[in-house]
């Protein structure tokens, strides 16, 4: 078994990576919960993007959402 010493900088780097990955997992969990809720309620919404890829927002900086429901014919 190899023995090695972690420097303070290396430990901080590892802590930062764990925090980044935790934040990313939390964001994915929120997105997954939102998709699940939209599917269950059959009510979908998504932010509107412009041709240049930027979100369409109000003067206050809030994203404008498009809402729709599926209807079987």
N, C-alpha and C. Protein backbone atom coordinates (compact mmCIF):
# COMPACT_ATOMS: atom_id res chain seq x y z
N UNK A 1 0.85 -1.17 0.00
CA UNK A 1 0.00 0.00 0.00
C UNK A 1 0.89 1.23 0.00
N UNK A 2 0.60 2.14 -0.88
CA UNK A 2 1.40 3.36 -0.99
C UNK A 2 0.95 4.37 0.05
N UNK A 3 1.92 5.03 0.62
CA UNK A 3 1.65 6.08 1.59
C UNK A 3 2.02 7.42 0.97
N UNK A 4 1.18 8.39 1.13
CA UNK A 4 1.49 9.70 0.61
C UNK A 4 0.86 10.75 1.51
N UNK A 5 1.43 11.91 1.47
CA UNK A 5 0.93 13.01 2.29
C UNK A 5 0.19 14.00 1.38
N UNK A 6 -0.95 14.42 1.84
CA UNK A 6 -1.71 15.43 1.11
C UNK A 6 -1.35 16.81 1.64
N UNK A 7 -1.04 17.68 0.75
CA UNK A 7 -0.76 19.05 1.16
C UNK A 7 -2.08 19.76 1.43
N UNK A 8 -1.99 20.88 2.10
CA UNK A 8 -3.19 21.66 2.39
C UNK A 8 -3.87 22.09 1.09
N UNK A 9 -3.06 22.43 0.08
CA UNK A 9 -3.60 22.84 -1.21
C UNK A 9 -4.33 21.68 -1.89
N UNK A 10 -3.78 20.47 -1.80
CA UNK A 10 -4.41 19.30 -2.40
C UNK A 10 -5.72 18.96 -1.70
N UNK A 11 -5.73 19.08 -0.39
CA UNK A 11 -6.96 18.80 0.37
C UNK A 11 -8.04 19.82 0.00
N UNK A 12 -7.65 21.09 -0.11
CA UNK A 12 -8.61 22.13 -0.49
C UNK A 12 -9.16 21.88 -1.89
N UNK A 13 -8.29 21.43 -2.80
CA UNK A 13 -8.72 21.12 -4.16
C UNK A 13 -9.76 20.00 -4.13
N UNK A 14 -9.51 18.95 -3.33
CA UNK A 14 -10.47 17.85 -3.21
C UNK A 14 -11.79 18.32 -2.61
N UNK A 15 -11.73 19.14 -1.59
CA UNK A 15 -12.95 19.67 -0.97
C UNK A 15 -13.74 20.49 -1.98
N UNK A 16 -13.05 21.33 -2.75
CA UNK A 16 -13.73 22.13 -3.77
C UNK A 16 -14.40 21.24 -4.82
N UNK A 17 -13.73 20.17 -5.23
CA UNK A 17 -14.31 19.24 -6.22
C UNK A 17 -15.55 18.56 -5.66
N UNK A 18 -15.50 18.16 -4.40
CA UNK A 18 -16.67 17.52 -3.78
C UNK A 18 -17.82 18.50 -3.71
N UNK A 19 -17.55 19.76 -3.35
CA UNK A 19 -18.61 20.78 -3.29
C UNK A 19 -19.21 21.02 -4.68
N UNK A 20 -18.34 21.10 -5.70
CA UNK A 20 -18.83 21.31 -7.07
C UNK A 20 -19.72 20.16 -7.51
N UNK A 21 -19.28 18.93 -7.23
CA UNK A 21 -20.07 17.77 -7.63
C UNK A 21 -21.37 17.67 -6.85
N UNK A 22 -21.34 18.05 -5.58
CA UNK A 22 -22.56 18.05 -4.78
C UNK A 22 -23.56 19.05 -5.33
N UNK A 23 -23.07 20.25 -5.67
CA UNK A 23 -23.94 21.28 -6.25
C UNK A 23 -24.52 20.80 -7.58
N UNK A 24 -23.70 20.18 -8.40
CA UNK A 24 -24.16 19.68 -9.69
C UNK A 24 -25.23 18.60 -9.50
N UNK A 25 -25.02 17.70 -8.55
CA UNK A 25 -26.01 16.65 -8.28
C UNK A 25 -27.32 17.25 -7.78
N UNK A 26 -27.23 18.26 -6.93
CA UNK A 26 -28.44 18.93 -6.43
C UNK A 26 -29.21 19.58 -7.59
N UNK A 27 -28.48 20.21 -8.51
CA UNK A 27 -29.13 20.84 -9.66
C UNK A 27 -29.81 19.80 -10.54
N UNK A 28 -29.14 18.66 -10.76
CA UNK A 28 -29.75 17.60 -11.55
C UNK A 28 -30.97 17.01 -10.86
N UNK A 29 -30.93 16.89 -9.55
CA UNK A 29 -32.08 16.37 -8.81
C UNK A 29 -33.27 17.31 -8.95
N UNK A 30 -33.03 18.61 -8.88
CA UNK A 30 -34.11 19.59 -9.04
C UNK A 30 -34.70 19.50 -10.45
N UNK A 31 -33.83 19.39 -11.45
CA UNK A 31 -34.31 19.30 -12.83
C UNK A 31 -35.10 18.02 -13.05
N UNK A 32 -34.63 16.92 -12.48
CA UNK A 32 -35.33 15.64 -12.62
C UNK A 32 -36.69 15.69 -11.93
N UNK A 33 -36.74 16.30 -10.75
CA UNK A 33 -38.03 16.46 -10.05
C UNK A 33 -39.00 17.29 -10.88
N UNK A 34 -38.48 18.34 -11.53
CA UNK A 34 -39.34 19.19 -12.37
C UNK A 34 -39.90 18.42 -13.56
N UNK A 35 -39.05 17.63 -14.21
CA UNK A 35 -39.50 16.83 -15.36
C UNK A 35 -40.54 15.81 -14.90
N UNK A 36 -40.28 15.16 -13.78
CA UNK A 36 -41.22 14.17 -13.26
C UNK A 36 -42.58 14.82 -12.97
N UNK A 37 -42.58 16.00 -12.36
CA UNK A 37 -43.82 16.69 -12.06
C UNK A 37 -44.56 17.08 -13.34
N UNK A 38 -43.82 17.55 -14.36
CA UNK A 38 -44.46 17.92 -15.62
C UNK A 38 -45.12 16.72 -16.28
N UNK A 39 -44.45 15.58 -16.22
CA UNK A 39 -45.00 14.37 -16.84
C UNK A 39 -46.25 13.91 -16.09
N UNK A 40 -46.20 13.90 -14.78
CA UNK A 40 -47.34 13.44 -13.98
C UNK A 40 -48.55 14.34 -14.18
N UNK A 41 -48.33 15.66 -14.21
CA UNK A 41 -49.44 16.61 -14.33
C UNK A 41 -49.80 16.90 -15.78
N UNK A 42 -49.03 16.39 -16.74
CA UNK A 42 -49.24 16.67 -18.16
C UNK A 42 -49.29 18.18 -18.41
N UNK A 43 -48.40 18.87 -17.74
CA UNK A 43 -48.30 20.32 -17.91
C UNK A 43 -46.82 20.64 -18.02
N UNK A 44 -46.39 21.01 -19.22
CA UNK A 44 -44.97 21.20 -19.50
C UNK A 44 -44.66 22.68 -19.65
N UNK A 45 -43.48 23.08 -19.22
CA UNK A 45 -43.04 24.45 -19.40
C UNK A 45 -41.54 24.46 -19.62
N UNK A 46 -41.08 25.44 -20.37
CA UNK A 46 -39.66 25.58 -20.66
C UNK A 46 -39.38 27.04 -20.97
N UNK A 47 -38.18 27.50 -20.62
CA UNK A 47 -37.83 28.87 -20.96
C UNK A 47 -37.70 29.04 -22.47
N UNK A 48 -38.08 30.21 -22.95
CA UNK A 48 -38.00 30.50 -24.39
C UNK A 48 -36.61 31.04 -24.70
N UNK A 49 -35.97 30.45 -25.71
CA UNK A 49 -34.65 30.94 -26.12
C UNK A 49 -34.77 31.65 -27.47
N UNK A 50 -33.91 32.61 -27.65
CA UNK A 50 -33.87 33.35 -28.91
C UNK A 50 -32.94 32.62 -29.88
N UNK A 51 -32.88 33.10 -31.11
CA UNK A 51 -32.06 32.45 -32.14
C UNK A 51 -30.58 32.39 -31.76
N UNK A 52 -30.12 33.35 -30.97
CA UNK A 52 -28.71 33.36 -30.58
C UNK A 52 -28.43 32.49 -29.35
N UNK A 53 -29.46 31.79 -28.84
CA UNK A 53 -29.28 30.89 -27.71
C UNK A 53 -29.51 31.52 -26.35
N UNK A 54 -29.68 32.83 -26.30
CA UNK A 54 -29.92 33.51 -25.03
C UNK A 54 -31.38 33.35 -24.64
N UNK A 55 -31.62 33.35 -23.32
CA UNK A 55 -32.99 33.25 -22.84
C UNK A 55 -33.73 34.56 -23.04
N UNK A 56 -35.02 34.46 -23.35
CA UNK A 56 -35.89 35.62 -23.45
C UNK A 56 -36.33 35.97 -22.03
N UNK A 57 -36.01 37.19 -21.59
CA UNK A 57 -36.30 37.57 -20.21
C UNK A 57 -37.10 38.87 -20.17
N UNK A 58 -37.73 39.09 -19.03
CA UNK A 58 -38.48 40.32 -18.79
C UNK A 58 -37.50 41.43 -18.42
N UNK A 59 -38.01 42.64 -18.25
CA UNK A 59 -37.17 43.77 -17.84
C UNK A 59 -36.54 43.52 -16.46
N UNK A 60 -37.22 42.70 -15.65
CA UNK A 60 -36.72 42.38 -14.31
C UNK A 60 -35.71 41.23 -14.30
N UNK A 61 -35.49 40.62 -15.47
CA UNK A 61 -34.50 39.54 -15.56
C UNK A 61 -35.07 38.14 -15.38
N UNK A 62 -36.39 38.01 -15.33
CA UNK A 62 -37.02 36.70 -15.18
C UNK A 62 -37.21 36.05 -16.54
N UNK A 63 -36.95 34.76 -16.65
CA UNK A 63 -37.14 34.02 -17.90
C UNK A 63 -38.62 33.95 -18.25
N UNK A 64 -38.92 34.08 -19.52
CA UNK A 64 -40.29 33.93 -20.00
C UNK A 64 -40.47 32.46 -20.37
N UNK A 65 -41.52 31.83 -19.82
CA UNK A 65 -41.76 30.41 -20.03
C UNK A 65 -42.87 30.16 -21.03
N UNK A 66 -42.72 29.08 -21.77
CA UNK A 66 -43.79 28.60 -22.63
C UNK A 66 -44.44 27.42 -21.92
N UNK A 67 -45.76 27.42 -21.82
CA UNK A 67 -46.50 26.32 -21.18
C UNK A 67 -47.36 25.62 -22.20
N UNK A 68 -47.47 24.29 -22.06
CA UNK A 68 -48.35 23.54 -22.94
C UNK A 68 -48.75 22.23 -22.29
N UNK A 69 -49.83 21.66 -22.79
CA UNK A 69 -50.33 20.35 -22.36
C UNK A 69 -50.54 19.51 -23.60
N UNK A 70 -50.36 18.22 -23.43
CA UNK A 70 -50.64 17.30 -24.53
C UNK A 70 -52.07 16.83 -24.44
N UNK A 71 -52.71 16.72 -25.58
CA UNK A 71 -54.07 16.22 -25.62
C UNK A 71 -54.12 15.11 -26.66
N UNK A 72 -54.59 13.94 -26.23
CA UNK A 72 -54.72 12.84 -27.15
C UNK A 72 -55.99 13.03 -27.98
N UNK A 73 -55.88 12.78 -29.26
CA UNK A 73 -57.02 12.96 -30.15
C UNK A 73 -57.57 11.62 -30.56
